[in-house]
C-alpha atoms as a PDB file:
ATOM      1  CA  MET A   1     -44.283 -11.400  -1.063  1.00  0.00           C
ATOM      2  CA  ARG A   2     -42.395 -10.599   2.111  1.00  0.00           C
ATOM      3  CA  LYS A   3     -42.277 -14.276   3.145  1.00  0.00           C
ATOM      4  CA  THR A   4     -40.923 -15.220  -0.275  1.00  0.00           C
ATOM      5  CA  MET A   5     -38.169 -12.619  -0.061  1.00  0.00           C
ATOM      6  CA  MET A   6     -37.301 -13.710   3.462  1.00  0.00           C
ATOM      7  CA  GLY A   7     -37.163 -17.348   2.380  1.00  0.00           C
ATOM      8  CA  ALA A   8     -34.966 -16.494  -0.595  1.00  0.00           C
ATOM      9  CA  ALA A   9     -32.614 -14.519   1.648  1.00  0.00           C
ATOM     10  CA  LEU A  10     -32.317 -17.424   4.067  1.00  0.00           C
ATOM     11  CA  LEU A  11     -31.664 -19.813   1.180  1.00  0.00           C
ATOM     12  CA  VAL A  12     -28.916 -17.585  -0.164  1.00  0.00           C
ATOM     13  CA  LEU A  13     -27.280 -17.374   3.242  1.00  0.00           C
ATOM     14  CA  ALA A  14     -27.581 -21.100   3.902  1.00  0.00           C
ATOM     15  CA  THR A  15     -25.989 -22.024   0.587  1.00  0.00           C
ATOM     16  CA  GLY A  16     -23.127 -19.576   0.776  1.00  0.00           C
ATOM     17  CA  GLY A  17     -24.829 -17.424  -1.818  1.00  0.00           C
ATOM     18  CA  ALA A  18     -22.697 -14.414  -0.964  1.00  0.00           C
ATOM     19  CA  HIS A  19     -19.920 -16.022  -2.993  1.00  0.00           C
ATOM     20  CA  ALA A  20     -22.242 -16.650  -5.906  1.00  0.00           C
ATOM     21  CA  GLN A  21     -23.623 -13.113  -5.833  1.00  0.00           C
ATOM     22  CA  ASP A  22     -20.278 -11.328  -6.023  1.00  0.00           C
ATOM     23  CA  PRO A  23     -18.138 -12.459  -8.956  1.00  0.00           C
ATOM     24  CA  ASN A  24     -15.323 -10.224  -7.694  1.00  0.00           C
ATOM     25  CA  LEU A  25     -15.225 -11.603  -4.158  1.00  0.00           C
ATOM     26  CA  ALA A  26     -12.133 -13.760  -4.758  1.00  0.00           C
ATOM     27  CA  ARG A  27     -10.265 -10.832  -6.307  1.00  0.00           C
ATOM     28  CA  ASN A  28     -11.336  -8.516  -3.499  1.00  0.00           C
ATOM     29  CA  LEU A  29     -10.219 -10.946  -0.811  1.00  0.00           C
ATOM     30  CA  ALA A  30      -6.894 -11.522  -2.630  1.00  0.00           C
ATOM     31  CA  ALA A  31      -6.305  -7.770  -2.804  1.00  0.00           C
ATOM     32  CA  THR A  32      -5.396  -7.826   0.877  1.00  0.00           C
ATOM     33  CA  CYS A  33      -2.345  -9.911  -0.081  1.00  0.00           C
ATOM     34  CA  ALA A  34      -1.021  -7.359  -2.586  1.00  0.00           C
ATOM     35  CA  ASN A  35       1.194  -5.436  -0.178  1.00  0.00           C
ATOM     36  CA  CYS A  36       3.508  -8.418   0.243  1.00  0.00           C
ATOM     37  CA  HIS A  37       2.732 -10.779  -2.617  1.00  0.00           C
ATOM     38  CA  GLY A  38       2.074  -8.197  -5.333  1.00  0.00           C
ATOM     39  CA  THR A  39      -0.937  -7.419  -7.457  1.00  0.00           C
ATOM     40  CA  ASN A  40      -2.285 -10.624  -9.001  1.00  0.00           C
ATOM     41  CA  GLY A  41       0.215 -12.615  -6.956  1.00  0.00           C
ATOM     42  CA  ASN A  42       3.343 -11.431  -8.774  1.00  0.00           C
ATOM     43  CA  ALA A  43       5.581 -10.371  -5.903  1.00  0.00           C
ATOM     44  CA  LEU A  44       7.951  -7.484  -6.593  1.00  0.00           C
ATOM     45  CA  THR A  45      10.347  -8.239  -3.746  1.00  0.00           C
ATOM     46  CA  ASP A  46      11.820 -11.456  -2.386  1.00  0.00           C
ATOM     47  CA  MET A  47       8.361 -12.453  -1.114  1.00  0.00           C
ATOM     48  CA  LYS A  48       6.900 -15.699  -2.460  1.00  0.00           C
ATOM     49  CA  PRO A  49       4.964 -15.165  -5.684  1.00  0.00           C
ATOM     50  CA  LEU A  50       1.523 -16.782  -5.660  1.00  0.00           C
ATOM     51  CA  ALA A  51       0.486 -16.377  -9.299  1.00  0.00           C
ATOM     52  CA  GLY A  52       0.139 -19.729 -11.030  1.00  0.00           C
ATOM     53  CA  VAL A  53       0.803 -21.782  -7.886  1.00  0.00           C
ATOM     54  CA  SER A  54      -1.758 -24.565  -7.581  1.00  0.00           C
ATOM     55  CA  ALA A  55      -4.700 -23.854  -5.308  1.00  0.00           C
ATOM     56  CA  GLU A  56      -3.983 -27.069  -3.420  1.00  0.00           C
ATOM     57  CA  LYS A  57      -0.424 -25.949  -2.619  1.00  0.00           C
ATOM     58  CA  ILE A  58      -1.570 -22.500  -1.527  1.00  0.00           C
ATOM     59  CA  LEU A  59      -4.293 -24.000   0.679  1.00  0.00           C
ATOM     60  CA  ALA A  60      -1.774 -26.399   2.261  1.00  0.00           C
ATOM     61  CA  GLN A  61       0.559 -23.504   3.055  1.00  0.00           C
ATOM     62  CA  LEU A  62      -2.297 -21.448   4.476  1.00  0.00           C
ATOM     63  CA  ALA A  63      -3.409 -24.393   6.613  1.00  0.00           C
ATOM     64  CA  ASP A  64       0.140 -24.696   7.973  1.00  0.00           C
ATOM     65  CA  TYR A  65       0.129 -21.021   8.905  1.00  0.00           C
ATOM     66  CA  LYS A  66      -3.319 -21.275  10.457  1.00  0.00           C
ATOM     67  CA  SER A  67      -2.382 -24.308  12.568  1.00  0.00           C
ATOM     68  CA  GLY A  68       0.951 -22.824  13.617  1.00  0.00           C
ATOM     69  CA  ASN A  69       2.970 -25.585  11.911  1.00  0.00           C
ATOM     70  CA  GLN A  70       4.655 -22.994   9.680  1.00  0.00           C
ATOM     71  CA  PRO A  71       6.372 -20.179  11.556  1.00  0.00           C
ATOM     72  CA  ALA A  72       5.656 -16.688  10.288  1.00  0.00           C
ATOM     73  CA  THR A  73       5.958 -13.080  11.221  1.00  0.00           C
ATOM     74  CA  ILE A  74       2.403 -12.125  10.240  1.00  0.00           C
ATOM     75  CA  MET A  75       0.775 -14.800   8.037  1.00  0.00           C
ATOM     76  CA  HIS A  76      -0.379 -16.861  11.004  1.00  0.00           C
ATOM     77  CA  GLN A  77      -2.385 -13.853  12.183  1.00  0.00           C
ATOM     78  CA  ILE A  78      -3.742 -12.867   8.763  1.00  0.00           C
ATOM     79  CA  VAL A  79      -4.925 -16.334   7.768  1.00  0.00           C
ATOM     80  CA  LYS A  80      -6.958 -16.733  10.951  1.00  0.00           C
ATOM     81  CA  GLY A  81      -9.135 -13.821   9.825  1.00  0.00           C
ATOM     82  CA  TYR A  82     -10.553 -15.802   6.895  1.00  0.00           C
ATOM     83  CA  THR A  83     -13.001 -18.662   6.692  1.00  0.00           C
ATOM     84  CA  ASP A  84     -12.024 -21.862   4.894  1.00  0.00           C
ATOM     85  CA  ASP A  85     -14.350 -20.909   2.026  1.00  0.00           C
ATOM     86  CA  GLN A  86     -12.681 -17.511   1.711  1.00  0.00           C
ATOM     87  CA  LEU A  87      -9.241 -19.108   1.694  1.00  0.00           C
ATOM     88  CA  LYS A  88     -10.389 -21.438  -1.100  1.00  0.00           C
ATOM     89  CA  LEU A  89     -11.496 -18.412  -3.114  1.00  0.00           C
ATOM     90  CA  VAL A  90      -8.173 -16.659  -2.572  1.00  0.00           C
ATOM     91  CA  ALA A  91      -6.164 -19.763  -3.475  1.00  0.00           C
ATOM     92  CA  GLY A  92      -8.237 -20.301  -6.611  1.00  0.00           C
ATOM     93  CA  TYR A  93      -7.796 -16.689  -7.623  1.00  0.00           C
ATOM     94  CA  PHE A  94      -4.008 -16.802  -7.349  1.00  0.00           C
ATOM     95  CA  ALA A  95      -3.818 -20.199  -9.044  1.00  0.00           C
ATOM     96  CA  ALA A  96      -5.618 -18.699 -12.052  1.00  0.00           C
ATOM     97  CA  GLN A  97      -3.207 -15.755 -12.376  1.00  0.00           C
ATOM     98  CA  LYS A  98      -0.349 -15.764 -14.880  1.00  0.00           C
ATOM     99  CA  PRO A  99       3.093 -15.761 -13.277  1.00  0.00           C
ATOM    100  CA  LYS A 100       5.725 -13.285 -14.475  1.00  0.00           C
ATOM    101  CA  LYS A 101       8.412 -14.756 -16.623  1.00  0.00           C
END
């Protein structure tokens, strides 16, 4: 029994199962963006809204921040704290949100 549980745990870790186990992971990761970009990506200030923006566009912008190609005050530091898989989850989450009209 113990070997089976250990094998299952290793399989989950090897396949990125943490993402599959937590259906709220994308939302939870995206919550760290709320201070600047608003809840659900609808910015309240002059910050860029993210709701409804394609995941591909968001990922391209994040990659530019991560590489240093896009100057920023804080985004270049924040984005480096996430894995590529986490950034994909965040981008997908915001892409699925409805923008304010």
